[in-house]
Amino acid sequence: MAAESIASLVDGLFKDGKWQEENAEALRKRPRAVKELRVALLRHEDPNVREGCAELLGEFENTAVVPELIAALRDRSPHVRYDALLALE
């Protein structure tokens, strides 16, 4: 898993409808993942991945992600909006 790109890890946060903790854990260990998570939060086609991105961005506690989290409060998925709100707390 260590050799996987950050983009692959983000895309694989949900597989067959299930959260992939291995991918999430690998992303948590990579501070550079914040950039890819920010983009995926707003643009990824899968709402489950967007939801996971919001959750992970909240764990990084990086104030630079606040604009994306605020934008995610308008996401069409209520789950994304909820996790974005929690991440902003």
PDB file of N, CA and C in Angstrom:
ATOM      1  N   MET A   1       0.825  -1.205   0.000  1.00  0.00           N
ATOM      2  CA  MET A   1       0.000   0.000   0.000  1.00  0.00           C
ATOM      3  C   MET A   1       0.858   1.253   0.000  1.00  0.00           C
ATOM      4  N   ALA A   2       2.031   1.232   0.582  1.00  0.00           N
ATOM      5  CA  ALA A   2       2.865   2.418   0.694  1.00  0.00           C
ATOM      6  C   ALA A   2       3.236   3.006  -0.662  1.00  0.00           C
ATOM      7  N   ALA A   3       3.310   2.161  -1.674  1.00  0.00           N
ATOM      8  CA  ALA A   3       3.718   2.630  -2.986  1.00  0.00           C
ATOM      9  C   ALA A   3       2.567   3.275  -3.759  1.00  0.00           C
ATOM     10  N   GLU A   4       1.347   3.157  -3.260  1.00  0.00           N
ATOM     11  CA  GLU A   4       0.207   3.717  -3.966  1.00  0.00           C
ATOM     12  C   GLU A   4       0.237   5.237  -3.940  1.00  0.00           C
ATOM     13  N   SER A   5      -0.237   5.830  -5.023  1.00  0.00           N
ATOM     14  CA  SER A   5      -0.288   7.282  -5.090  1.00  0.00           C
ATOM     15  C   SER A   5      -1.399   7.801  -4.185  1.00  0.00           C
ATOM     16  N   ILE A   6      -1.268   9.045  -3.820  1.00  0.00           N
ATOM     17  CA  ILE A   6      -2.296   9.673  -2.989  1.00  0.00           C
ATOM     18  C   ILE A   6      -3.638   9.660  -3.710  1.00  0.00           C
ATOM     19  N   ALA A   7      -3.632   9.931  -5.007  1.00  0.00           N
ATOM     20  CA  ALA A   7      -4.882   9.926  -5.778  1.00  0.00           C
ATOM     21  C   ALA A   7      -5.545   8.554  -5.749  1.00  0.00           C
ATOM     22  N   SER A   8      -4.755   7.495  -5.857  1.00  0.00           N
ATOM     23  CA  SER A   8      -5.308   6.134  -5.813  1.00  0.00           C
ATOM     24  C   SER A   8      -5.906   5.838  -4.448  1.00  0.00           C
ATOM     25  N   LEU A   9      -5.241   6.307  -3.407  1.00  0.00           N
ATOM     26  CA  LEU A   9      -5.756   6.096  -2.052  1.00  0.00           C
ATOM     27  C   LEU A   9      -7.075   6.833  -1.856  1.00  0.00           C
ATOM     28  N   VAL A  10      -7.154   8.053  -2.367  1.00  0.00           N
ATOM     29  CA  VAL A  10      -8.395   8.825  -2.252  1.00  0.00           C
ATOM     30  C   VAL A  10      -9.503   8.131  -3.028  1.00  0.00           C
ATOM     31  N   ASP A  11      -9.226   7.750  -4.272  1.00  0.00           N
ATOM     32  CA  ASP A  11     -10.238   7.073  -5.086  1.00  0.00           C
ATOM     33  C   ASP A  11     -10.713   5.778  -4.439  1.00  0.00           C
ATOM     34  N   GLY A  12      -9.850   5.133  -3.678  1.00  0.00           N
ATOM     35  CA  GLY A  12     -10.182   3.867  -3.059  1.00  0.00           C
ATOM     36  C   GLY A  12     -10.699   3.962  -1.639  1.00  0.00           C
ATOM     37  N   LEU A  13     -11.092   5.151  -1.190  1.00  0.00           N
ATOM     38  CA  LEU A  13     -11.613   5.274   0.174  1.00  0.00           C
ATOM     39  C   LEU A  13     -12.866   4.428   0.380  1.00  0.00           C
ATOM     40  N   PHE A  14     -13.660   4.280  -0.669  1.00  0.00           N
ATOM     41  CA  PHE A  14     -14.845   3.428  -0.618  1.00  0.00           C
ATOM     42  C   PHE A  14     -14.746   2.421  -1.747  1.00  0.00           C
ATOM     43  N   LYS A  15     -14.940   1.167  -1.403  1.00  0.00           N
ATOM     44  CA  LYS A  15     -14.902   0.107  -2.399  1.00  0.00           C
ATOM     45  C   LYS A  15     -16.056  -0.833  -2.099  1.00  0.00           C
ATOM     46  N   ASP A  16     -16.842  -1.119  -3.107  1.00  0.00           N
ATOM     47  CA  ASP A  16     -18.015  -1.983  -2.939  1.00  0.00           C
ATOM     48  C   ASP A  16     -18.914  -1.473  -1.813  1.00  0.00           C
ATOM     49  N   GLY A  17     -19.018  -0.147  -1.719  1.00  0.00           N
ATOM     50  CA  GLY A  17     -19.893   0.462  -0.728  1.00  0.00           C
ATOM     51  C   GLY A  17     -19.382   0.450   0.694  1.00  0.00           C
ATOM     52  N   LYS A  18     -18.114   0.106   0.879  1.00  0.00           N
ATOM     53  CA  LYS A  18     -17.572   0.030   2.236  1.00  0.00           C
ATOM     54  C   LYS A  18     -16.352   0.930   2.400  1.00  0.00           C
ATOM     55  N   TRP A  19     -16.262   1.532   3.557  1.00  0.00           N
ATOM     56  CA  TRP A  19     -15.123   2.370   3.940  1.00  0.00           C
ATOM     57  C   TRP A  19     -13.864   1.510   3.986  1.00  0.00           C
ATOM     58  N   GLN A  20     -12.804   1.988   3.373  1.00  0.00           N
ATOM     59  CA  GLN A  20     -11.541   1.266   3.338  1.00  0.00           C
ATOM     60  C   GLN A  20     -10.571   1.914   4.320  1.00  0.00           C
ATOM     61  N   GLU A  21     -10.560   1.406   5.541  1.00  0.00           N
ATOM     62  CA  GLU A  21      -9.749   1.993   6.607  1.00  0.00           C
ATOM     63  C   GLU A  21      -8.261   1.974   6.258  1.00  0.00           C
ATOM     64  N   GLU A  22      -7.805   0.966   5.530  1.00  0.00           N
ATOM     65  CA  GLU A  22      -6.390   0.921   5.140  1.00  0.00           C
ATOM     66  C   GLU A  22      -6.014   2.153   4.317  1.00  0.00           C
ATOM     67  N   ASN A  23      -6.863   2.520   3.394  1.00  0.00           N
ATOM     68  CA  ASN A  23      -6.598   3.709   2.587  1.00  0.00           C
ATOM     69  C   ASN A  23      -6.637   4.967   3.447  1.00  0.00           C
ATOM     70  N   ALA A  24      -7.636   5.053   4.315  1.00  0.00           N
ATOM     71  CA  ALA A  24      -7.760   6.217   5.190  1.00  0.00           C
ATOM     72  C   ALA A  24      -6.528   6.356   6.072  1.00  0.00           C
ATOM     73  N   GLU A  25      -6.073   5.253   6.633  1.00  0.00           N
ATOM     74  CA  GLU A  25      -4.900   5.285   7.512  1.00  0.00           C
ATOM     75  C   GLU A  25      -3.651   5.721   6.742  1.00  0.00           C
ATOM     76  N   ALA A  26      -3.511   5.227   5.528  1.00  0.00           N
ATOM     77  CA  ALA A  26      -2.358   5.627   4.709  1.00  0.00           C
ATOM     78  C   ALA A  26      -2.404   7.121   4.409  1.00  0.00           C
ATOM     79  N   LEU A  27      -3.596   7.658   4.168  1.00  0.00           N
ATOM     80  CA  LEU A  27      -3.732   9.096   3.898  1.00  0.00           C
ATOM     81  C   LEU A  27      -3.445   9.920   5.152  1.00  0.00           C
ATOM     82  N   ARG A  28      -3.860   9.433   6.303  1.00  0.00           N
ATOM     83  CA  ARG A  28      -3.594  10.148   7.560  1.00  0.00           C
ATOM     84  C   ARG A  28      -2.095  10.317   7.799  1.00  0.00           C
ATOM     85  N   LYS A  29      -1.324   9.391   7.313  1.00  0.00           N
ATOM     86  CA  LYS A  29       0.132   9.423   7.521  1.00  0.00           C
ATOM     87  C   LYS A  29       0.855  10.286   6.492  1.00  0.00           C
ATOM     88  N   ARG A  30       0.114  10.872   5.574  1.00  0.00           N
ATOM     89  CA  ARG A  30       0.719  11.667   4.505  1.00  0.00           C
ATOM     90  C   ARG A  30       0.163  13.089   4.523  1.00  0.00           C
ATOM     91  N   PRO A  31       0.849  13.991   5.189  1.00  0.00           N
ATOM     92  CA  PRO A  31       0.364  15.373   5.227  1.00  0.00           C
ATOM     93  C   PRO A  31       0.164  15.984   3.836  1.00  0.00           C
ATOM     94  N   ARG A  32       0.930  15.502   2.864  1.00  0.00           N
ATOM     95  CA  ARG A  32       0.766  16.024   1.501  1.00  0.00           C
ATOM     96  C   ARG A  32      -0.571  15.599   0.886  1.00  0.00           C
ATOM     97  N   ALA A  33      -1.268  14.683   1.533  1.00  0.00           N
ATOM     98  CA  ALA A  33      -2.566  14.229   1.031  1.00  0.00           C
ATOM     99  C   ALA A  33      -3.621  15.324   1.122  1.00  0.00           C
ATOM    100  N   VAL A  34      -3.391  16.325   1.949  1.00  0.00           N
ATOM    101  CA  VAL A  34      -4.378  17.385   2.142  1.00  0.00           C
ATOM    102  C   VAL A  34      -4.758  18.024   0.807  1.00  0.00           C
ATOM    103  N   LYS A  35      -3.793  18.279  -0.038  1.00  0.00           N
ATOM    104  CA  LYS A  35      -4.080  18.923  -1.332  1.00  0.00           C
ATOM    105  C   LYS A  35      -5.038  18.073  -2.165  1.00  0.00           C
ATOM    106  N   GLU A  36      -4.764  16.793  -2.281  1.00  0.00           N
ATOM    107  CA  GLU A  36      -5.617  15.896  -3.066  1.00  0.00           C
ATOM    108  C   GLU A  36      -6.996  15.734  -2.422  1.00  0.00           C
ATOM    109  N   LEU A  37      -7.041  15.674  -1.104  1.00  0.00           N
ATOM    110  CA  LEU A  37      -8.321  15.564  -0.399  1.00  0.00           C
ATOM    111  C   LEU A  37      -9.172  16.810  -0.607  1.00  0.00           C
ATOM    112  N   ARG A  38      -8.541  17.972  -0.639  1.00  0.00           N
ATOM    113  CA  ARG A  38      -9.271  19.227  -0.865  1.00  0.00           C
ATOM    114  C   ARG A  38      -9.944  19.219  -2.231  1.00  0.00           C
ATOM    115  N   VAL A  39      -9.213  18.785  -3.233  1.00  0.00           N
ATOM    116  CA  VAL A  39      -9.756  18.736  -4.597  1.00  0.00           C
ATOM    117  C   VAL A  39     -10.875  17.703  -4.679  1.00  0.00           C
ATOM    118  N   ALA A  40     -10.629  16.515  -4.137  1.00  0.00           N
ATOM    119  CA  ALA A  40     -11.624  15.442  -4.210  1.00  0.00           C
ATOM    120  C   ALA A  40     -12.895  15.792  -3.446  1.00  0.00           C
ATOM    121  N   LEU A  41     -12.767  16.524  -2.353  1.00  0.00           N
ATOM    122  CA  LEU A  41     -13.936  16.923  -1.575  1.00  0.00           C
ATOM    123  C   LEU A  41     -14.933  17.682  -2.442  1.00  0.00           C
ATOM    124  N   LEU A  42     -14.442  18.497  -3.328  1.00  0.00           N
ATOM    125  CA  LEU A  42     -15.324  19.327  -4.153  1.00  0.00           C
ATOM    126  C   LEU A  42     -15.626  18.727  -5.522  1.00  0.00           C
ATOM    127  N   ARG A  43     -14.795  17.811  -5.997  1.00  0.00           N
ATOM    128  CA  ARG A  43     -14.943  17.374  -7.391  1.00  0.00           C
ATOM    129  C   ARG A  43     -15.167  15.891  -7.618  1.00  0.00           C
ATOM    130  N   HIS A  44     -14.924  15.055  -6.630  1.00  0.00           N
ATOM    131  CA  HIS A  44     -15.034  13.611  -6.870  1.00  0.00           C
ATOM    132  C   HIS A  44     -16.485  13.253  -7.176  1.00  0.00           C
ATOM    133  N   GLU A  45     -16.667  12.338  -8.100  1.00  0.00           N
ATOM    134  CA  GLU A  45     -18.028  11.960  -8.512  1.00  0.00           C
ATOM    135  C   GLU A  45     -18.764  11.133  -7.466  1.00  0.00           C
ATOM    136  N   ASP A  46     -18.034  10.409  -6.625  1.00  0.00           N
ATOM    137  CA  ASP A  46     -18.645   9.528  -5.630  1.00  0.00           C
ATOM    138  C   ASP A  46     -18.882  10.285  -4.327  1.00  0.00           C
ATOM    139  N   PRO A  47     -20.137  10.426  -3.912  1.00  0.00           N
ATOM    140  CA  PRO A  47     -20.407  11.158  -2.674  1.00  0.00           C
ATOM    141  C   PRO A  47     -19.795  10.481  -1.446  1.00  0.00           C
ATOM    142  N   ASN A  48     -19.623   9.164  -1.485  1.00  0.00           N
ATOM    143  CA  ASN A  48     -18.980   8.482  -0.363  1.00  0.00           C
ATOM    144  C   ASN A  48     -17.525   8.911  -0.217  1.00  0.00           C
ATOM    145  N   VAL A  49     -16.861   9.083  -1.341  1.00  0.00           N
ATOM    146  CA  VAL A  49     -15.466   9.549  -1.309  1.00  0.00           C
ATOM    147  C   VAL A  49     -15.422  10.988  -0.819  1.00  0.00           C
ATOM    148  N   ARG A  50     -16.344  11.824  -1.296  1.00  0.00           N
ATOM    149  CA  ARG A  50     -16.381  13.219  -0.822  1.00  0.00           C
ATOM    150  C   ARG A  50     -16.617  13.266   0.685  1.00  0.00           C
ATOM    151  N   GLU A  51     -17.506  12.413   1.164  1.00  0.00           N
ATOM    152  CA  GLU A  51     -17.778  12.344   2.600  1.00  0.00           C
ATOM    153  C   GLU A  51     -16.516  11.948   3.374  1.00  0.00           C
ATOM    154  N   GLY A  52     -15.810  10.951   2.876  1.00  0.00           N
ATOM    155  CA  GLY A  52     -14.573  10.517   3.518  1.00  0.00           C
ATOM    156  C   GLY A  52     -13.511  11.593   3.502  1.00  0.00           C
ATOM    157  N   CYS A  53     -13.451  12.340   2.417  1.00  0.00           N
ATOM    158  CA  CYS A  53     -12.484  13.440   2.325  1.00  0.00           C
ATOM    159  C   CYS A  53     -12.772  14.495   3.383  1.00  0.00           C
ATOM    160  N   ALA A  54     -14.047  14.820   3.578  1.00  0.00           N
ATOM    161  CA  ALA A  54     -14.416  15.804   4.599  1.00  0.00           C
ATOM    162  C   ALA A  54     -13.981  15.320   5.979  1.00  0.00           C
ATOM    163  N   GLU A  55     -14.236  14.060   6.257  1.00  0.00           N
ATOM    164  CA  GLU A  55     -13.856  13.502   7.557  1.00  0.00           C
ATOM    165  C   GLU A  55     -12.345  13.566   7.765  1.00  0.00           C
ATOM    166  N   LEU A  56     -11.602  13.129   6.765  1.00  0.00           N
ATOM    167  CA  LEU A  56     -10.146  13.113   6.897  1.00  0.00           C
ATOM    168  C   LEU A  56      -9.569  14.521   6.993  1.00  0.00           C
ATOM    169  N   LEU A  57     -10.115  15.450   6.226  1.00  0.00           N
ATOM    170  CA  LEU A  57      -9.617  16.831   6.303  1.00  0.00           C
ATOM    171  C   LEU A  57      -9.823  17.399   7.699  1.00  0.00           C
ATOM    172  N   GLY A  58     -10.911  17.050   8.331  1.00  0.00           N
ATOM    173  CA  GLY A  58     -11.142  17.492   9.705  1.00  0.00           C
ATOM    174  C   GLY A  58     -10.115  16.936  10.670  1.00  0.00           C
ATOM    175  N   GLU A  59      -9.646  15.739  10.414  1.00  0.00           N
ATOM    176  CA  GLU A  59      -8.637  15.131  11.273  1.00  0.00           C
ATOM    177  C   GLU A  59      -7.280  15.814  11.156  1.00  0.00           C
ATOM    178  N   PHE A  60      -6.989  16.392  10.003  1.00  0.00           N
ATOM    179  CA  PHE A  60      -5.708  17.070   9.824  1.00  0.00           C
ATOM    180  C   PHE A  60      -5.638  18.383  10.600  1.00  0.00           C
ATOM    181  N   GLU A  61      -6.792  18.949  10.948  1.00  0.00           N
ATOM    182  CA  GLU A  61      -6.846  20.205  11.705  1.00  0.00           C
ATOM    183  C   GLU A  61      -5.985  21.294  11.066  1.00  0.00           C
ATOM    184  N   ASN A  62      -6.162  21.453   9.768  1.00  0.00           N
ATOM    185  CA  ASN A  62      -5.414  22.428   8.987  1.00  0.00           C
ATOM    186  C   ASN A  62      -6.386  23.532   8.569  1.00  0.00           C
ATOM    187  N   THR A  63      -6.158  24.740   9.039  1.00  0.00           N
ATOM    188  CA  THR A  63      -7.087  25.835   8.739  1.00  0.00           C
ATOM    189  C   THR A  63      -7.138  26.196   7.257  1.00  0.00           C
ATOM    190  N   ALA A  64      -6.156  25.769   6.503  1.00  0.00           N
ATOM    191  CA  ALA A  64      -6.157  26.062   5.067  1.00  0.00           C
ATOM    192  C   ALA A  64      -7.302  25.364   4.334  1.00  0.00           C
ATOM    193  N   VAL A  65      -7.890  24.336   4.938  1.00  0.00           N
ATOM    194  CA  VAL A  65      -8.961  23.587   4.270  1.00  0.00           C
ATOM    195  C   VAL A  65     -10.353  24.152   4.565  1.00  0.00           C
ATOM    196  N   VAL A  66     -10.430  25.164   5.393  1.00  0.00           N
ATOM    197  CA  VAL A  66     -11.731  25.730   5.778  1.00  0.00           C
ATOM    198  C   VAL A  66     -12.554  26.173   4.566  1.00  0.00           C
ATOM    199  N   PRO A  67     -11.997  26.849   3.564  1.00  0.00           N
ATOM    200  CA  PRO A  67     -12.830  27.245   2.421  1.00  0.00           C
ATOM    201  C   PRO A  67     -13.485  26.062   1.703  1.00  0.00           C
ATOM    202  N   GLU A  68     -12.763  24.969   1.535  1.00  0.00           N
ATOM    203  CA  GLU A  68     -13.342  23.798   0.879  1.00  0.00           C
ATOM    204  C   GLU A  68     -14.420  23.155   1.747  1.00  0.00           C
ATOM    205  N   LEU A  69     -14.177  23.108   3.051  1.00  0.00           N
ATOM    206  CA  LEU A  69     -15.186  22.537   3.941  1.00  0.00           C
ATOM    207  C   LEU A  69     -16.448  23.391   3.948  1.00  0.00           C
ATOM    208  N   ILE A  70     -16.300  24.692   3.911  1.00  0.00           N
ATOM    209  CA  ILE A  70     -17.472  25.574   3.845  1.00  0.00           C
ATOM    210  C   ILE A  70     -18.213  25.354   2.531  1.00  0.00           C
ATOM    211  N   ALA A  71     -17.468  25.230   1.436  1.00  0.00           N
ATOM    212  CA  ALA A  71     -18.101  24.970   0.138  1.00  0.00           C
ATOM    213  C   ALA A  71     -18.839  23.631   0.152  1.00  0.00           C
ATOM    214  N   ALA A  72     -18.289  22.653   0.859  1.00  0.00           N
ATOM    215  CA  ALA A  72     -18.909  21.327   0.924  1.00  0.00           C
ATOM    216  C   ALA A  72     -20.227  21.345   1.698  1.00  0.00           C
ATOM    217  N   LEU A  73     -20.473  22.398   2.462  1.00  0.00           N
ATOM    218  CA  LEU A  73     -21.760  22.516   3.163  1.00  0.00           C
ATOM    219  C   LEU A  73     -22.915  22.667   2.179  1.00  0.00           C
ATOM    220  N   ARG A  74     -22.599  22.951   0.917  1.00  0.00           N
ATOM    221  CA  ARG A  74     -23.621  23.073  -0.135  1.00  0.00           C
ATOM    222  C   ARG A  74     -23.656  21.836  -1.039  1.00  0.00           C
ATOM    223  N   ASP A  75     -22.938  20.784  -0.671  1.00  0.00           N
ATOM    224  CA  ASP A  75     -22.905  19.558  -1.474  1.00  0.00           C
ATOM    225  C   ASP A  75     -24.307  18.981  -1.591  1.00  0.00           C
ATOM    226  N   ARG A  76     -24.562  18.306  -2.691  1.00  0.00           N
ATOM    227  CA  ARG A  76     -25.892  17.715  -2.886  1.00  0.00           C
ATOM    228  C   ARG A  76     -26.147  16.525  -1.954  1.00  0.00           C
ATOM    229  N   SER A  77     -25.087  15.945  -1.394  1.00  0.00           N
ATOM    230  CA  SER A  77     -25.235  14.811  -0.471  1.00  0.00           C
ATOM    231  C   SER A  77     -25.322  15.307   0.968  1.00  0.00           C
ATOM    232  N   PRO A  78     -26.368  14.913   1.681  1.00  0.00           N
ATOM    233  CA  PRO A  78     -26.469  15.327   3.093  1.00  0.00           C
ATOM    234  C   PRO A  78     -25.341  14.745   3.943  1.00  0.00           C
ATOM    235  N   HIS A  79     -24.811  13.599   3.552  1.00  0.00           N
ATOM    236  CA  HIS A  79     -23.718  12.983   4.310  1.00  0.00           C
ATOM    237  C   HIS A  79     -22.435  13.794   4.183  1.00  0.00           C
ATOM    238  N   VAL A  80     -22.198  14.325   2.994  1.00  0.00           N
ATOM    239  CA  VAL A  80     -21.021  15.175   2.793  1.00  0.00           C
ATOM    240  C   VAL A  80     -21.180  16.456   3.603  1.00  0.00           C
ATOM    241  N   ARG A  81     -22.366  17.039   3.537  1.00  0.00           N
ATOM    242  CA  ARG A  81     -22.615  18.272   4.293  1.00  0.00           C
ATOM    243  C   ARG A  81     -22.411  18.045   5.785  1.00  0.00           C
ATOM    244  N   TYR A  82     -22.909  16.933   6.296  1.00  0.00           N
ATOM    245  CA  TYR A  82     -22.785  16.623   7.714  1.00  0.00           C
ATOM    246  C   TYR A  82     -21.319  16.460   8.125  1.00  0.00           C
ATOM    247  N   ASP A  83     -20.556  15.688   7.347  1.00  0.00           N
ATOM    248  CA  ASP A  83     -19.151  15.484   7.698  1.00  0.00           C
ATOM    249  C   ASP A  83     -18.336  16.760   7.545  1.00  0.00           C
ATOM    250  N   ALA A  84     -18.703  17.601   6.592  1.00  0.00           N
ATOM    251  CA  ALA A  84     -18.020  18.888   6.447  1.00  0.00           C
ATOM    252  C   ALA A  84     -18.290  19.750   7.679  1.00  0.00           C
ATOM    253  N   LEU A  85     -19.514  19.734   8.146  1.00  0.00           N
ATOM    254  CA  LEU A  85     -19.866  20.498   9.341  1.00  0.00           C
ATOM    255  C   LEU A  85     -19.074  19.993  10.557  1.00  0.00           C
ATOM    256  N   LEU A  86     -19.012  18.687  10.725  1.00  0.00           N
ATOM    257  CA  LEU A  86     -18.248  18.130  11.840  1.00  0.00           C
ATOM    258  C   LEU A  86     -16.770  18.489  11.735  1.00  0.00           C
ATOM    259  N   ALA A  87     -16.255  18.485  10.524  1.00  0.00           N
ATOM    260  CA  ALA A  87     -14.836  18.808  10.314  1.00  0.00           C
ATOM    261  C   ALA A  87     -14.537  20.262  10.674  1.00  0.00           C
ATOM    262  N   LEU A  88     -15.524  21.117  10.543  1.00  0.00           N
ATOM    263  CA  LEU A  88     -15.326  22.536  10.857  1.00  0.00           C
ATOM    264  C   LEU A  88     -15.384  22.817  12.354  1.00  0.00           C
ATOM    265  N   GLU A  89     -15.894  21.900  13.138  1.00  0.00           N
ATOM    266  CA  GLU A  89     -16.011  22.122  14.583  1.00  0.00           C
ATOM    267  C   GLU A  89     -14.659  22.198  15.250  1.00  0.00           C
TER     268      GLU A  89
END
